[in-house]
Amino acid sequence: MPRPPRQFLIPMIVACALFMENLDSTIISTALPTIARAMAEDPVRLNLAITAYLLSVAVFIPASGWFADRFGARTVFRTAIVIFTLGSIGCGFSHSLLQLVAARILQGMGGAMMVPVGRLVMMRAVPKSDLVRAMTYLTVPALIGPVTGPVLGGFIVTYFSWRWIFFINIPIGILGIVLASIFIDDIREPERPRLDVSGFILSGLGLAGMVFGFVTAGRGAVSITVTISLLIGGAILLALYWIHARRTASPLVDLTLFRIPTYFVGVFGGSFFRIGVGAMPFLTPLLFQLGFGMTALNSGLLSFAGAMGAMLMKTTAGPIIRTFGFRRVLICNAVIASSFLLGLAFFRPWTPHIVIFSVLLMGGFFRSLQFTSLNTLAYADVPVARMSRATSLQSMGQQLAMSIGVGTGALMLHLTQIFSGGGALNSADFAPAFVVVALIAVSCLAFFFNLSPYAGSEVSGHRSRPLDAPAGE
């Protein structure tokens, strides 16, 4: 009996929305100098457009699961696409920094709902036996977006108006709304608790403080005092939320999900790998442009090798995980993927481009395999009734991990410059940063070794589990 096409259409619909969000979050970086000239603004001040988006996402992500349960996943997903698209239109028509920042905040609100709710839509529509294959559709956009953004952004600002970096979201958004209306059911939970307002304030502001603190670390955008204050303040607010959640019957973010072993390993343990990889979209373009003297367009074209590797993984992840199981794949692949990340530390201007391309290509394959494994394992044993909160919590963790990665990479570059006496960055200055983030990425092994060989077997289809062994062990 053939599988219904809907099971594969829904992941593709969600993947397109996630690609739009991931592409937009990186494409603006390439266009900032051009936008600054058009608005007669300092490019450093224009970084507020990026910061405003990140803070808006951080504030609203914790509430995404509650909105999906309260108003229906399809309704919220479509609304998120509408908000994101309207924000894109606002960015394209902006004529001042204030207008651009306001539009980016609106975009961030849509993006905060679009990512976790889109994942929730897929989780509820796809049976666990097809989850690995479906998850590859969500992993590939997350890896392709950051490397495609600089290429597309450089092309648009070179040959067209910078406003088109935002207008290209309009047809994608309209298509997403139409397809979601046709193919996605509006499922909502029968029990709808009241919004945990205190939890929303504590978790949103706490996450925003931590994200902003890590993103600005080592960049010189704000003083070190402000950065430290943001990190400490964010940590205090998140600690207060933890206390609040233990005393609340229906907390906004359900921290007891970490009691599920596979969820804990997939989200918390996997965060260390995400921190290491999260530094790549920040470090690699700088290495190619500042260390090698490449143009933004050539740098982006070379970096696209990683996206090609991610796309190659799409057809092989299922058989690999099914054959070896989650534990062995995560352990072996963490070492391999981290090794390719470490290999970037040895790139120099005289390194043949074919070598760089090959390392990025293979690295993209194994990074994508690791993300697919982590994201699938995280939901292997989560009950359907708790799925909305699980997606919110995972999105919070991913947002924080990626911000820590960027902050770590920026801080290492800053320290390297200090110890080398200042001056312009050269290719050797990037080596310590890549070494550190690679070590952080491989440290996730400490969590994977404690994982049961039978973990997630219902999802992976791995047949080594004895009949009397629980699937979640």
Foldseek 3Di string as FASTA:
>chain_A
DDDDCLLQVLLLLLLLLLLLVLQLLALVVLCLVVLCVQLVHDSLVLCLLNLLLLLLLLLQLLQLLLCCQVFFLLVLQLVLLVQLLQLLVQCLPDNHSVSSSVSSSSNSNSVSNSQLSSVLQSVVSHDLQCQLLSLLSNLLSNFQSLLVSLQVSVVCVVPHPNSVSSVVSNVSSVVSSVSSVPSTDRDHDPDRDDAPVLLSVLRSQLLSLLLSLLLCALVPSDDPVSSVCSNVVSVVSVVVSVVVQVVDPDHSANPCLCVQLLLVLLQVLQLLLLLLVLQCSVQQLCLCCQAQVDDSNVSSVLLSLLSLLSVVLSVPLLVVCQAQNLLVLLQVLLVVLLVLLLVLLPDHNPDDSVVSSVSSNNSSNSVSSNNSSSVSSSCLPDDSVCSSSSSSVSVSSSSSSSSNSNSLQSNQLSVLCVVVVHDGDHNNSNNVSSVVSSVSSNVSSVSSVPADSQASCVNSVHDPDDPPDDNHD
